[in-house]
Amino acid sequence: MNIAQQVKDIFGYDRSALGWYRDFALGVTSGISLIFGVVFALVVHSRRGSSFDLNVSLGCFAVVMLCILVSPQKSTVFAGTIATPAAFALLKFMTTGALRPLLVFLGLMLLLGVAGAILGLIQWYRRQR
């Protein structure tokens, strides 16, 4: 089994299952909500922050948690939650050439890789029992 197939197995990719597409959509939705939640949370701490910004930020984080909790395949939704902001950071790096988005992308991909490795070890341990 090659590495690409192992990664697909870890995050539950199955083209024939309709549930995988639901989990993918939940992951992208929670990833975009995470971006907006962080942006509004940063605005709250600026001089012009308001209670509206705080409410929007908390609402976005609630959507992220709801998307992860609703799905039976939580690892797929978590992967989408991390990969969506990483994809936007990579796109920003490719269009502007700025270094900070590349560092954000690499940091998020490192987090996703560590999470994938931990999930893979958990699945391997469960199969051994």
C-alpha atoms as a PDB file:
ATOM      1  CA  MET A   1       0.000   0.000   0.000  1.00  0.00           C
ATOM      2  CA  ASN A   2       1.459   3.359  -0.998  1.00  0.00           C
ATOM      3  CA  ILE A   3       1.530   6.514   1.115  1.00  0.00           C
ATOM      4  CA  ALA A   4      -1.264   8.270  -0.796  1.00  0.00           C
ATOM      5  CA  GLN A   5      -3.613   5.368  -0.116  1.00  0.00           C
ATOM      6  CA  GLN A   6      -2.658   5.356   3.572  1.00  0.00           C
ATOM      7  CA  VAL A   7      -3.470   9.087   3.844  1.00  0.00           C
ATOM      8  CA  LYS A   8      -6.810   8.486   2.130  1.00  0.00           C
ATOM      9  CA  ASP A   9      -7.548   5.686   4.581  1.00  0.00           C
ATOM     10  CA  ILE A  10      -6.624   7.800   7.616  1.00  0.00           C
ATOM     11  CA  PHE A  11      -8.990  10.626   6.730  1.00  0.00           C
ATOM     12  CA  GLY A  12     -11.787   8.328   5.574  1.00  0.00           C
ATOM     13  CA  TYR A  13     -11.823   9.088   1.832  1.00  0.00           C
ATOM     14  CA  ASP A  14     -14.334   6.891   0.015  1.00  0.00           C
ATOM     15  CA  ARG A  15     -15.591   8.136  -3.349  1.00  0.00           C
ATOM     16  CA  SER A  16     -18.561   5.766  -3.385  1.00  0.00           C
ATOM     17  CA  ALA A  17     -19.920   6.808   0.038  1.00  0.00           C
ATOM     18  CA  LEU A  18     -22.277   9.767   0.096  1.00  0.00           C
ATOM     19  CA  GLY A  19     -21.334  10.526   3.703  1.00  0.00           C
ATOM     20  CA  TRP A  20     -17.800  11.441   2.677  1.00  0.00           C
ATOM     21  CA  TYR A  21     -19.109  14.355   0.597  1.00  0.00           C
ATOM     22  CA  ARG A  22     -21.212  15.525   3.560  1.00  0.00           C
ATOM     23  CA  ASP A  23     -18.133  15.446   5.793  1.00  0.00           C
ATOM     24  CA  PHE A  24     -16.083  17.262   3.156  1.00  0.00           C
ATOM     25  CA  ALA A  25     -18.715  20.018   2.934  1.00  0.00           C
ATOM     26  CA  LEU A  26     -18.833  20.272   6.732  1.00  0.00           C
ATOM     27  CA  GLY A  27     -15.028  20.524   6.806  1.00  0.00           C
ATOM     28  CA  VAL A  28     -14.924  23.342   4.261  1.00  0.00           C
ATOM     29  CA  THR A  29     -17.779  25.144   6.027  1.00  0.00           C
ATOM     30  CA  SER A  30     -16.017  24.908   9.371  1.00  0.00           C
ATOM     31  CA  GLY A  31     -12.726  26.007   7.783  1.00  0.00           C
ATOM     32  CA  ILE A  32     -14.284  29.152   6.341  1.00  0.00           C
ATOM     33  CA  SER A  33     -16.050  29.800   9.652  1.00  0.00           C
ATOM     34  CA  LEU A  34     -12.711  29.435  11.412  1.00  0.00           C
ATOM     35  CA  ILE A  35     -11.173  32.079   9.150  1.00  0.00           C
ATOM     36  CA  PHE A  36     -14.012  34.522   9.820  1.00  0.00           C
ATOM     37  CA  GLY A  37     -13.961  33.731  13.537  1.00  0.00           C
ATOM     38  CA  VAL A  38     -10.258  34.519  13.814  1.00  0.00           C
ATOM     39  CA  VAL A  39     -10.612  37.709  11.769  1.00  0.00           C
ATOM     40  CA  PHE A  40     -13.482  39.012  13.897  1.00  0.00           C
ATOM     41  CA  ALA A  41     -11.695  37.964  17.107  1.00  0.00           C
ATOM     42  CA  LEU A  42      -8.682  40.035  16.050  1.00  0.00           C
ATOM     43  CA  VAL A  43     -10.925  43.019  15.323  1.00  0.00           C
ATOM     44  CA  VAL A  44     -12.459  42.770  18.826  1.00  0.00           C
ATOM     45  CA  HIS A  45      -9.060  43.490  20.379  1.00  0.00           C
ATOM     46  CA  SER A  46      -8.394  46.517  18.183  1.00  0.00           C
ATOM     47  CA  ARG A  47      -9.493  50.048  19.051  1.00  0.00           C
ATOM     48  CA  ARG A  48     -12.592  49.913  16.910  1.00  0.00           C
ATOM     49  CA  GLY A  49     -13.802  46.517  18.111  1.00  0.00           C
ATOM     50  CA  SER A  50     -17.414  46.234  19.215  1.00  0.00           C
ATOM     51  CA  SER A  51     -19.723  43.731  20.841  1.00  0.00           C
ATOM     52  CA  PHE A  52     -21.041  42.859  17.375  1.00  0.00           C
ATOM     53  CA  ASP A  53     -17.581  41.668  16.348  1.00  0.00           C
ATOM     54  CA  LEU A  54     -17.378  39.552  19.487  1.00  0.00           C
ATOM     55  CA  ASN A  55     -20.796  38.025  18.798  1.00  0.00           C
ATOM     56  CA  VAL A  56     -19.888  37.214  15.189  1.00  0.00           C
ATOM     57  CA  SER A  57     -16.592  35.690  16.309  1.00  0.00           C
ATOM     58  CA  LEU A  58     -18.274  33.508  18.931  1.00  0.00           C
ATOM     59  CA  GLY A  59     -20.938  32.493  16.406  1.00  0.00           C
ATOM     60  CA  CYS A  60     -18.286  31.457  13.882  1.00  0.00           C
ATOM     61  CA  PHE A  61     -16.451  29.383  16.487  1.00  0.00           C
ATOM     62  CA  ALA A  62     -19.785  27.798  17.458  1.00  0.00           C
ATOM     63  CA  VAL A  63     -20.332  26.827  13.803  1.00  0.00           C
ATOM     64  CA  VAL A  64     -16.871  25.221  13.747  1.00  0.00           C
ATOM     65  CA  MET A  65     -17.615  23.186  16.865  1.00  0.00           C
ATOM     66  CA  LEU A  66     -21.079  22.248  15.605  1.00  0.00           C
ATOM     67  CA  CYS A  67     -19.705  21.021  12.268  1.00  0.00           C
ATOM     68  CA  ILE A  68     -17.148  18.841  14.033  1.00  0.00           C
ATOM     69  CA  LEU A  69     -19.629  17.485  16.582  1.00  0.00           C
ATOM     70  CA  VAL A  70     -22.396  16.715  14.063  1.00  0.00           C
ATOM     71  CA  SER A  71     -20.266  14.574  11.782  1.00  0.00           C
ATOM     72  CA  PRO A  72     -19.694  10.879  12.506  1.00  0.00           C
ATOM     73  CA  GLN A  73     -16.327  11.073  10.668  1.00  0.00           C
ATOM     74  CA  LYS A  74     -14.727  13.762  12.812  1.00  0.00           C
ATOM     75  CA  SER A  75     -11.245  13.285  11.387  1.00  0.00           C
ATOM     76  CA  THR A  76     -12.403  14.261   7.886  1.00  0.00           C
ATOM     77  CA  VAL A  77     -14.118  17.405   9.158  1.00  0.00           C
ATOM     78  CA  PHE A  78     -11.066  18.310  11.257  1.00  0.00           C
ATOM     79  CA  ALA A  79      -8.832  17.872   8.216  1.00  0.00           C
ATOM     80  CA  GLY A  80     -11.087  20.171   6.197  1.00  0.00           C
ATOM     81  CA  THR A  81     -11.149  22.704   9.018  1.00  0.00           C
ATOM     82  CA  ILE A  82      -7.346  22.940   8.984  1.00  0.00           C
ATOM     83  CA  ALA A  83      -6.821  22.503   5.228  1.00  0.00           C
ATOM     84  CA  THR A  84      -9.217  25.264   4.124  1.00  0.00           C
ATOM     85  CA  PRO A  85      -7.326  28.163   5.785  1.00  0.00           C
ATOM     86  CA  ALA A  86      -4.074  26.532   4.660  1.00  0.00           C
ATOM     87  CA  ALA A  87      -5.269  26.526   1.054  1.00  0.00           C
ATOM     88  CA  PHE A  88      -6.176  30.213   1.289  1.00  0.00           C
ATOM     89  CA  ALA A  89      -2.757  30.980   2.796  1.00  0.00           C
ATOM     90  CA  LEU A  90      -1.024  29.102  -0.018  1.00  0.00           C
ATOM     91  CA  LEU A  91      -3.099  30.967  -2.598  1.00  0.00           C
ATOM     92  CA  LYS A  92      -2.156  34.291  -0.974  1.00  0.00           C
ATOM     93  CA  PHE A  93       1.531  33.301  -1.030  1.00  0.00           C
ATOM     94  CA  MET A  94       1.361  32.285  -4.685  1.00  0.00           C
ATOM     95  CA  THR A  95      -0.340  35.525  -5.745  1.00  0.00           C
ATOM     96  CA  THR A  96       1.629  38.026  -3.640  1.00  0.00           C
ATOM     97  CA  GLY A  97       4.910  36.280  -2.851  1.00  0.00           C
ATOM     98  CA  ALA A  98       4.733  37.360   0.808  1.00  0.00           C
ATOM     99  CA  LEU A  99       6.492  35.101   3.294  1.00  0.00           C
ATOM    100  CA  ARG A 100       3.972  35.205   6.162  1.00  0.00           C
ATOM    101  CA  PRO A 101       1.217  33.254   4.303  1.00  0.00           C
ATOM    102  CA  LEU A 102       3.769  30.561   3.451  1.00  0.00           C
ATOM    103  CA  LEU A 103       4.669  30.231   7.130  1.00  0.00           C
ATOM    104  CA  VAL A 104       0.979  30.011   8.038  1.00  0.00           C
ATOM    105  CA  PHE A 105       0.500  27.337   5.370  1.00  0.00           C
ATOM    106  CA  LEU A 106       3.472  25.304   6.585  1.00  0.00           C
ATOM    107  CA  GLY A 107       2.345  25.591  10.207  1.00  0.00           C
ATOM    108  CA  LEU A 108      -1.179  24.431   9.405  1.00  0.00           C
ATOM    109  CA  MET A 109       0.093  21.567   7.264  1.00  0.00           C
ATOM    110  CA  LEU A 110       2.414  20.513  10.097  1.00  0.00           C
ATOM    111  CA  LEU A 111      -0.578  20.508  12.451  1.00  0.00           C
ATOM    112  CA  LEU A 112      -2.585  18.470   9.957  1.00  0.00           C
ATOM    113  CA  GLY A 113       0.289  16.026   9.486  1.00  0.00           C
ATOM    114  CA  VAL A 114       0.690  15.485  13.210  1.00  0.00           C
ATOM    115  CA  ALA A 115      -3.060  14.981  13.578  1.00  0.00           C
ATOM    116  CA  GLY A 116      -3.026  12.496  10.691  1.00  0.00           C
ATOM    117  CA  ALA A 117      -0.138  10.586  12.227  1.00  0.00           C
ATOM    118  CA  ILE A 118      -1.903  10.401  15.583  1.00  0.00           C
ATOM    119  CA  LEU A 119      -5.141   9.239  13.933  1.00  0.00           C
ATOM    120  CA  GLY A 120      -3.198   6.654  11.946  1.00  0.00           C
ATOM    121  CA  LEU A 121      -1.577   5.300  15.099  1.00  0.00           C
ATOM    122  CA  ILE A 122      -4.945   5.135  16.848  1.00  0.00           C
ATOM    123  CA  GLN A 123      -6.455   3.206  13.924  1.00  0.00           C
ATOM    124  CA  TRP A 124      -3.459   0.862  13.818  1.00  0.00           C
ATOM    125  CA  TYR A 125      -3.745   0.235  17.565  1.00  0.00           C
ATOM    126  CA  ARG A 126      -7.454  -0.533  17.280  1.00  0.00           C
ATOM    127  CA  ARG A 127      -6.819  -3.040  14.471  1.00  0.00           C
ATOM    128  CA  GLN A 128      -4.167  -4.810  16.563  1.00  0.00           C
ATOM    129  CA  ARG A 129      -6.548  -5.427  19.465  1.00  0.00           C
END
